[in-house]
Protein backbone atom coordinates (compact mmCIF):
# COMPACT_ATOMS: atom_id res chain seq x y z
CA MET A 1 126.09 67.04 66.40
CA ASN A 2 126.55 70.61 67.60
CA ASP A 3 128.92 70.75 70.57
CA ALA A 4 129.05 74.56 70.72
CA PRO A 5 128.36 75.90 74.22
CA GLN A 6 124.88 77.23 74.95
CA ARG A 7 124.54 80.99 74.53
CA VAL A 8 123.30 82.72 77.68
CA VAL A 9 122.54 86.43 78.11
CA LEU A 10 123.56 88.25 81.29
CA ALA A 11 121.09 91.07 81.92
CA THR A 12 123.68 93.85 82.13
CA ARG A 13 125.54 96.29 79.93
CA ASN A 14 128.45 96.27 82.39
CA ALA A 15 131.47 94.61 80.74
CA HIS A 16 133.13 94.14 84.17
CA LYS A 17 130.19 92.08 85.41
CA ILE A 18 130.26 89.93 82.27
CA GLY A 19 133.98 89.28 82.69
CA GLU A 20 133.58 88.50 86.38
CA LEU A 21 130.82 85.96 85.72
CA ARG A 22 132.78 84.35 82.87
CA ALA A 23 135.63 83.80 85.35
CA ILE A 24 133.29 82.32 87.97
CA LEU A 25 131.72 79.92 85.48
CA ALA A 26 135.14 78.90 84.16
CA ASP A 27 136.30 78.18 87.73
CA ILE A 28 133.31 75.92 88.27
CA GLY A 29 133.73 74.23 84.91
CA VAL A 30 130.49 75.42 83.31
CA ALA A 31 130.92 76.03 79.58
CA VAL A 32 128.48 78.60 78.21
CA ASP A 33 128.79 81.39 75.66
CA LEU A 34 128.04 84.34 77.95
CA VAL A 35 127.06 87.64 76.32
CA GLY A 36 125.53 90.89 77.60
CA VAL A 37 122.39 92.71 76.50
CA ALA A 38 124.57 95.19 74.58
CA ASP A 39 124.75 92.44 71.92
CA PHE A 40 120.98 92.87 71.42
CA PRO A 41 120.32 96.52 70.50
CA GLY A 42 116.54 96.21 70.72
CA VAL A 43 116.44 95.06 74.35
CA ALA A 44 115.23 97.76 76.73
CA ASP A 45 116.47 98.25 80.29
CA VAL A 46 114.22 96.71 82.94
CA ALA A 47 113.01 98.78 85.89
CA GLU A 48 113.59 97.09 89.26
CA THR A 49 110.08 97.36 90.68
CA GLU A 50 109.96 94.31 92.95
CA LEU A 51 110.47 94.48 96.72
CA SER A 52 113.13 91.78 97.09
CA PHE A 53 116.50 90.92 95.59
CA ALA A 54 115.06 87.67 94.23
CA GLY A 55 112.06 89.44 92.72
CA ASN A 56 114.17 92.04 90.93
CA ALA A 57 116.69 89.48 89.64
CA LEU A 58 113.93 87.26 88.26
CA LEU A 59 112.08 90.22 86.75
CA LYS A 60 115.19 91.20 84.76
CA ALA A 61 116.06 87.63 83.74
CA VAL A 62 112.54 86.89 82.46
CA ALA A 63 112.32 90.16 80.51
CA VAL A 64 115.69 89.56 78.80
CA ALA A 65 114.90 85.89 78.07
CA GLU A 66 111.63 86.84 76.40
CA ALA A 67 113.23 89.71 74.47
CA THR A 68 116.15 87.65 73.14
CA GLY A 69 114.68 84.16 72.91
CA LEU A 70 117.70 82.86 74.85
CA PRO A 71 118.25 81.75 78.45
CA ALA A 72 119.05 84.80 80.56
CA ILE A 73 120.59 85.38 83.97
CA ALA A 74 120.40 88.48 86.15
CA ASP A 75 121.29 89.56 89.65
CA ASP A 76 120.28 92.12 92.25
CA SER A 77 122.34 92.86 95.32
CA GLY A 78 122.91 95.25 98.19
CA ILE A 79 123.84 95.62 101.83
CA CYS A 80 121.48 94.71 104.68
CA VAL A 81 122.18 96.32 108.06
CA ASP A 82 120.82 94.68 111.21
CA ALA A 83 120.27 97.96 113.06
CA LEU A 84 118.21 99.28 110.12
CA ASN A 85 115.99 96.19 110.00
CA GLY A 86 117.70 94.92 106.85
CA MET A 87 117.85 98.20 104.98
CA PRO A 88 119.16 99.70 102.67
CA GLY A 89 118.58 96.31 101.04
CA ILE A 90 117.12 96.65 97.54
CA PHE A 91 117.54 100.44 97.83
CA SER A 92 121.31 100.23 98.42
CA ALA A 93 122.33 101.85 95.11
CA ARG A 94 119.99 104.81 95.64
CA TRP A 95 119.88 105.08 99.43
CA ALA A 96 120.75 108.79 99.38
CA GLY A 97 118.33 109.50 96.54
CA LYS A 98 120.47 109.46 93.40
CA HIS A 99 121.21 106.05 91.87
CA GLY A 100 124.86 105.09 92.08
CA ASP A 101 126.12 108.00 94.22
CA ASP A 102 128.44 105.85 96.35
CA ALA A 103 129.85 108.71 98.45
CA ALA A 104 126.42 110.08 99.39
CA ASN A 105 125.07 106.60 100.12
CA LEU A 106 128.00 105.88 102.43
CA ASP A 107 127.72 109.22 104.24
CA LEU A 108 124.00 108.72 104.87
CA LEU A 109 124.37 105.13 106.07
CA LEU A 110 127.21 105.96 108.46
CA ALA A 111 125.25 108.90 109.87
CA GLN A 112 122.18 106.73 110.43
CA VAL A 113 124.09 104.19 112.52
CA SER A 114 126.60 106.53 114.17
CA ASP A 115 125.13 105.88 117.64
CA VAL A 116 124.80 102.11 117.22
CA PRO A 117 127.27 100.24 119.50
CA ASP A 118 129.81 97.86 117.96
CA GLU A 119 127.99 94.72 119.12
CA HIS A 120 124.90 95.71 117.11
CA ARG A 121 126.62 96.71 113.86
CA GLY A 122 126.08 93.41 112.07
CA ALA A 123 125.50 93.59 108.32
CA ALA A 124 125.53 91.39 105.24
CA PHE A 125 126.11 91.77 101.53
CA VAL A 126 123.33 89.83 99.78
CA CYS A 127 122.95 88.86 96.11
CA ALA A 128 120.15 87.01 94.32
CA ALA A 129 120.98 85.46 90.94
CA ALA A 130 118.18 84.32 88.64
CA LEU A 131 118.00 82.11 85.56
CA ALA A 132 115.05 82.35 83.17
CA GLU A 133 114.37 80.45 79.96
CA PRO A 134 112.11 81.89 77.25
CA GLY A 135 108.54 80.72 76.80
CA PRO A 136 105.70 79.83 79.18
CA ASP A 137 107.34 76.51 80.12
CA GLY A 138 110.86 77.91 80.60
CA ARG A 139 112.59 77.28 83.91
CA ARG A 140 112.69 80.03 86.55
CA ILE A 141 115.39 79.53 89.17
CA VAL A 142 116.74 81.90 91.84
CA GLU A 143 119.73 81.30 94.12
CA GLU A 144 121.03 83.57 96.88
CA GLY A 145 124.51 84.27 98.18
CA ARG A 146 125.47 86.28 101.24
CA ILE A 147 128.53 87.28 103.18
CA ASN A 148 128.11 88.31 106.81
CA GLY A 149 130.20 90.89 108.61
CA VAL A 150 130.10 94.16 110.49
CA LEU A 151 129.62 97.80 109.53
CA LEU A 152 132.70 99.92 110.28
CA ARG A 153 132.52 103.48 111.60
CA GLU A 154 134.54 105.06 108.79
CA ARG A 155 135.89 104.20 105.35
CA HIS A 156 138.89 101.90 105.02
CA GLY A 157 140.64 101.10 101.75
CA ALA A 158 140.45 102.42 98.21
CA GLY A 159 139.46 99.24 96.36
CA GLY A 160 136.08 97.84 95.45
CA PHE A 161 133.01 100.03 95.08
CA GLY A 162 129.70 100.77 96.76
CA TYR A 163 129.72 99.96 100.46
CA ASP A 164 132.99 97.97 100.36
CA PRO A 165 135.00 100.57 102.39
CA VAL A 166 132.69 100.30 105.43
CA PHE A 167 132.09 96.52 105.48
CA ARG A 168 134.40 94.04 107.20
CA PRO A 169 133.60 90.38 106.45
CA HIS A 170 133.63 87.89 109.31
CA GLY A 171 136.97 86.11 109.44
CA HIS A 172 138.88 89.11 108.11
CA ASP A 173 140.54 92.05 109.84
CA VAL A 174 140.18 94.46 106.90
CA SER A 175 137.32 95.92 104.91
CA THR A 176 136.29 94.45 101.56
CA ALA A 177 137.80 97.60 99.97
CA GLU A 178 141.19 96.56 101.43
CA LEU A 179 141.07 93.05 99.96
CA THR A 180 142.60 92.33 96.57
CA ALA A 181 140.09 91.93 93.76
CA GLU A 182 140.94 88.22 93.62
CA ALA A 183 140.43 87.73 97.36
CA LYS A 184 137.17 89.65 97.33
CA ASN A 185 135.83 87.68 94.37
CA GLN A 186 136.56 84.39 96.12
CA ILE A 187 134.25 85.25 99.03
CA SER A 188 131.80 87.71 97.49
CA HIS A 189 128.03 87.41 97.69
CA ARG A 190 127.84 87.60 93.88
CA ARG A 191 130.23 84.69 93.48
CA ARG A 192 128.27 82.60 96.00
CA ALA A 193 124.96 83.32 94.27
CA PHE A 194 126.24 82.62 90.76
CA ALA A 195 128.16 79.53 91.94
CA ALA A 196 124.86 78.16 93.27
CA LEU A 197 123.14 79.02 89.98
CA ALA A 198 125.90 77.59 87.75
CA PRO A 199 124.88 73.88 88.00
CA HIS A 200 121.47 74.80 86.59
CA LEU A 201 123.21 76.31 83.55
CA ALA A 202 125.28 73.15 83.14
CA HIS A 203 122.14 71.03 82.98
CA GLY A 204 120.06 73.32 80.82
């Protein structure tokens, strides 16, 4: 009998994300052999062409599952601002035009809500995590995690990345960029989404 843990591919080339998810799964007690797409040189990057976090996460998971023949998981995440009707949302990483320009994205977002009063500056970090198994009968599962808070008026803290310096989670008096990495990971939207997805991996 083969008791080796199931191999699962995380649809990323980001070693930090792989390590973070390994830690989350270990905390929950789910034993899988988690690898990234860098272990599969022939797998192409997947364009995020859907119009929702769940759609993009599932799109990436299905593509990687079919390309590798292994169960795959993927996520898509961003910040949703009440005063902007839920935007930047899926466009969070490229809100200012260039993908991944955190400083420009922050400057634009703060400028857009500069006149919004404090009581209307609600926001949330949202993450969708998807599991896909290869083949036409493979399972397709999506879970969502979110953390609610408020949008600050200026940057606070040097930790984290993305919109962390301008987001203060409910129940805290500092921004997510001022939390330790451990504290942030305990409450993060990514952790909540993957924690919800983890039982499905355990019963694969």
